[in-house]
Amino acid sequence: TSLAIRTTLGVLPANEADGVIEAYASLEGLRALDAVPGVWSVRPIIGPIPLSVTSEATGSSVHNSTNWNDYGFTGLGVKVGIIDSFDGYTELIGLELPAPAGVRCYTAVGTSSSNFADCQSEDSNHGTAVAEAVVDIAPGVELYLADVPTCGLDLIETALWMVSEGVQVI
């Protein structure tokens, strides 16, 4: 259990679900975990790899969505979720991007908030560029945004949160 792991090995669990524990541990703690009965696998948490975007094409022209938009297909009422990094997003609110309808921003593994400022890292603007392309193509969508520190339990929890919010496209 996580309590036993925490007290005997100096490992700090951050996320738990269905027999999986994501934890902060020293190298010595990882070695000790490997010897605990019932532990099948010990490996480092793998975080997302931020991409850098140096240019972006206007989504509507690349996808020729203006014809669809002219016929009333604007994405109105559709909820779209983006899980990525959002450097520079707030500066574009009201200009090129709408304020997000919902956010899940992580301050640490297993710890999230609904404060969009917590998603404002300087890791990458890839998610911001993705949001711009989505809004160019479907200007009526509602955006739900999240950053995740791990590609494990945090990603699963974020997807479940988006589904609970009625997000139709992630």
Protein backbone atom coordinates (compact mmCIF):
# COMPACT_ATOMS: atom_id res chain seq x y z
CA THR A 1 0.00 0.00 0.00
CA SER A 2 1.07 3.59 -0.42
CA LEU A 3 1.24 4.18 3.35
CA ALA A 4 3.67 1.28 3.79
CA ILE A 5 5.73 2.44 0.83
CA ARG A 6 5.84 6.00 2.15
CA THR A 7 6.90 5.12 5.69
CA THR A 8 9.38 2.33 5.03
CA LEU A 9 11.03 3.48 1.84
CA GLY A 10 10.80 7.26 1.90
CA VAL A 11 8.72 7.29 -1.29
CA LEU A 12 5.98 9.92 -1.67
CA PRO A 13 2.96 8.61 -3.64
CA ALA A 14 1.28 11.30 -5.79
CA ASN A 15 -1.30 9.30 -7.81
CA GLU A 16 -2.96 5.94 -7.31
CA ALA A 17 -5.43 3.98 -9.43
CA ASP A 18 -6.16 0.29 -10.05
CA GLY A 19 -2.89 -1.11 -8.70
CA VAL A 20 -0.71 1.66 -10.17
CA ILE A 21 1.12 4.15 -8.00
CA GLU A 22 2.97 7.19 -9.35
CA ALA A 23 5.34 8.53 -6.74
CA TYR A 24 8.27 10.80 -6.07
CA ALA A 25 11.28 8.73 -5.06
CA SER A 26 15.03 8.94 -4.77
CA LEU A 27 17.20 6.51 -6.68
CA GLU A 28 17.61 4.50 -3.46
CA GLY A 29 13.82 4.47 -3.02
CA LEU A 30 13.36 3.15 -6.57
CA ARG A 31 15.85 0.36 -5.93
CA ALA A 32 14.10 -0.54 -2.66
CA LEU A 33 10.67 -0.54 -4.38
CA ASP A 34 11.91 -3.07 -6.89
CA ALA A 35 12.42 -5.54 -4.01
CA VAL A 36 8.93 -5.07 -2.44
CA PRO A 37 6.71 -8.18 -2.80
CA GLY A 38 3.81 -7.50 -5.15
CA VAL A 39 5.59 -4.74 -7.05
CA TRP A 40 5.69 -5.85 -10.68
CA SER A 41 7.41 -2.92 -12.29
CA VAL A 42 9.34 0.17 -11.27
CA ARG A 43 10.09 2.80 -13.87
CA PRO A 44 10.37 6.59 -14.08
CA ILE A 45 7.30 8.68 -14.74
CA ILE A 46 7.32 9.75 -18.37
CA GLY A 47 6.15 13.29 -18.92
CA PRO A 48 4.96 14.86 -22.16
CA ILE A 49 7.59 16.17 -24.54
CA PRO A 50 6.83 19.79 -25.46
CA LEU A 51 7.00 20.68 -29.11
CA SER A 52 8.08 24.05 -30.31
CA VAL A 53 6.03 25.80 -32.94
CA THR A 54 7.82 28.32 -35.11
CA SER A 55 5.03 29.10 -37.53
CA GLU A 56 1.41 28.24 -38.10
CA ALA A 57 -0.80 28.35 -41.12
CA THR A 58 -4.32 29.63 -40.81
CA GLY A 59 -6.37 26.53 -40.12
CA SER A 60 -9.34 27.68 -42.17
CA SER A 61 -7.34 28.09 -45.38
CA VAL A 62 -5.35 24.87 -44.94
CA HIS A 63 -8.56 22.89 -44.40
CA ASN A 64 -10.78 25.05 -46.62
CA SER A 65 -13.27 25.33 -43.78
CA THR A 66 -14.59 28.77 -44.80
CA ASN A 67 -17.04 27.11 -47.20
CA TRP A 68 -18.38 24.98 -44.33
CA ASN A 69 -18.52 28.02 -42.05
CA ASP A 70 -20.47 29.95 -44.71
CA TYR A 71 -23.12 27.20 -44.60
CA GLY A 72 -23.40 27.49 -40.82
CA PHE A 73 -21.06 24.68 -39.76
CA THR A 74 -19.07 26.57 -37.13
CA GLY A 75 -18.79 24.04 -34.33
CA LEU A 76 -21.34 25.94 -32.24
CA GLY A 77 -22.22 23.84 -29.21
CA VAL A 78 -19.31 21.42 -29.70
CA LYS A 79 -16.90 20.98 -26.80
CA VAL A 80 -13.28 20.34 -27.77
CA GLY A 81 -10.56 19.31 -25.33
CA ILE A 82 -6.87 20.03 -25.87
CA ILE A 83 -4.20 18.44 -23.65
CA ASP A 84 -0.94 20.24 -24.29
CA SER A 85 1.16 23.29 -23.27
CA PHE A 86 -0.33 26.78 -23.52
CA ASP A 87 2.39 29.41 -23.43
CA GLY A 88 1.03 32.72 -24.76
CA TYR A 89 -2.64 31.69 -24.72
CA THR A 90 -3.90 34.42 -22.37
CA GLU A 91 -2.44 37.18 -24.55
CA LEU A 92 -4.65 35.97 -27.43
CA ILE A 93 -7.95 35.81 -25.52
CA GLY A 94 -10.45 38.10 -27.23
CA LEU A 95 -8.18 38.55 -30.24
CA GLU A 96 -7.63 35.11 -31.77
CA LEU A 97 -8.86 32.79 -29.03
CA PRO A 98 -11.85 32.52 -26.71
CA ALA A 99 -11.47 32.21 -22.96
CA PRO A 100 -11.46 28.50 -22.15
CA ALA A 101 -14.79 27.06 -20.97
CA GLY A 102 -12.92 24.84 -18.50
CA VAL A 103 -9.36 24.08 -17.49
CA ARG A 104 -7.47 21.43 -15.55
CA CYS A 105 -3.97 22.68 -14.82
CA TYR A 106 -1.40 20.64 -12.91
CA THR A 107 0.88 22.14 -10.30
CA ALA A 108 2.52 18.75 -9.56
CA VAL A 109 1.99 15.08 -10.32
CA GLY A 110 -1.51 14.22 -9.08
CA THR A 111 -2.37 17.82 -8.14
CA SER A 112 -4.52 19.97 -10.42
CA SER A 113 -6.38 23.25 -10.23
CA SER A 114 -9.00 25.12 -12.24
CA ASN A 115 -6.81 28.23 -12.36
CA PHE A 116 -5.68 28.79 -15.96
CA ALA A 117 -2.59 30.65 -14.73
CA ASP A 118 -1.29 27.25 -13.57
CA CYS A 119 -1.29 26.10 -17.23
CA GLN A 120 0.84 29.05 -18.32
CA SER A 121 4.28 27.52 -18.60
CA GLU A 122 7.01 28.52 -20.97
CA ASP A 123 7.53 24.91 -22.06
CA SER A 124 5.78 25.28 -25.39
CA ASN A 125 3.09 27.16 -27.26
CA HIS A 126 2.03 24.04 -29.19
CA GLY A 127 -1.37 23.79 -27.46
CA THR A 128 -1.98 27.48 -28.09
CA ALA A 129 -1.28 26.96 -31.80
CA VAL A 130 -3.55 23.90 -31.86
CA ALA A 131 -6.32 25.95 -30.22
CA GLU A 132 -5.85 28.70 -32.82
CA ALA A 133 -6.18 26.17 -35.67
CA VAL A 134 -9.28 24.60 -34.10
CA VAL A 135 -10.93 28.01 -33.63
CA ASP A 136 -9.99 29.05 -37.18
CA ILE A 137 -11.72 25.94 -38.51
CA ALA A 138 -14.65 25.88 -36.07
CA PRO A 139 -15.04 29.33 -34.50
CA GLY A 140 -18.09 28.33 -32.43
CA VAL A 141 -16.43 25.60 -30.33
CA GLU A 142 -16.01 25.68 -26.57
CA LEU A 143 -12.46 24.83 -25.52
CA TYR A 144 -11.49 22.74 -22.50
CA LEU A 145 -7.76 22.93 -21.86
CA ALA A 146 -5.39 20.89 -19.73
CA ASP A 147 -1.70 20.36 -19.26
CA VAL A 148 -0.48 17.11 -17.73
CA PRO A 149 2.84 16.38 -16.02
CA THR A 150 2.67 12.64 -16.75
CA CYS A 151 1.48 10.43 -19.58
CA GLY A 152 0.08 8.00 -17.01
CA LEU A 153 -2.56 8.57 -14.37
CA ASP A 154 -2.73 12.36 -14.81
CA LEU A 155 -3.53 11.88 -18.49
CA ILE A 156 -6.22 9.32 -17.68
CA GLU A 157 -7.75 11.56 -15.00
CA THR A 158 -7.71 14.52 -17.38
CA ALA A 159 -9.46 12.56 -20.14
CA LEU A 160 -12.09 11.38 -17.63
CA TRP A 161 -12.58 14.97 -16.44
CA MET A 162 -13.08 16.16 -20.02
CA VAL A 163 -15.63 13.43 -20.68
CA SER A 164 -17.47 14.36 -17.46
CA GLU A 165 -17.63 17.95 -18.77
CA GLY A 166 -19.30 16.76 -21.97
CA VAL A 167 -16.26 17.23 -24.20
CA GLN A 168 -16.94 15.48 -27.51
CA VAL A 169 -13.52 15.76 -29.18
CA ILE A 170 -10.21 15.42 -27.33
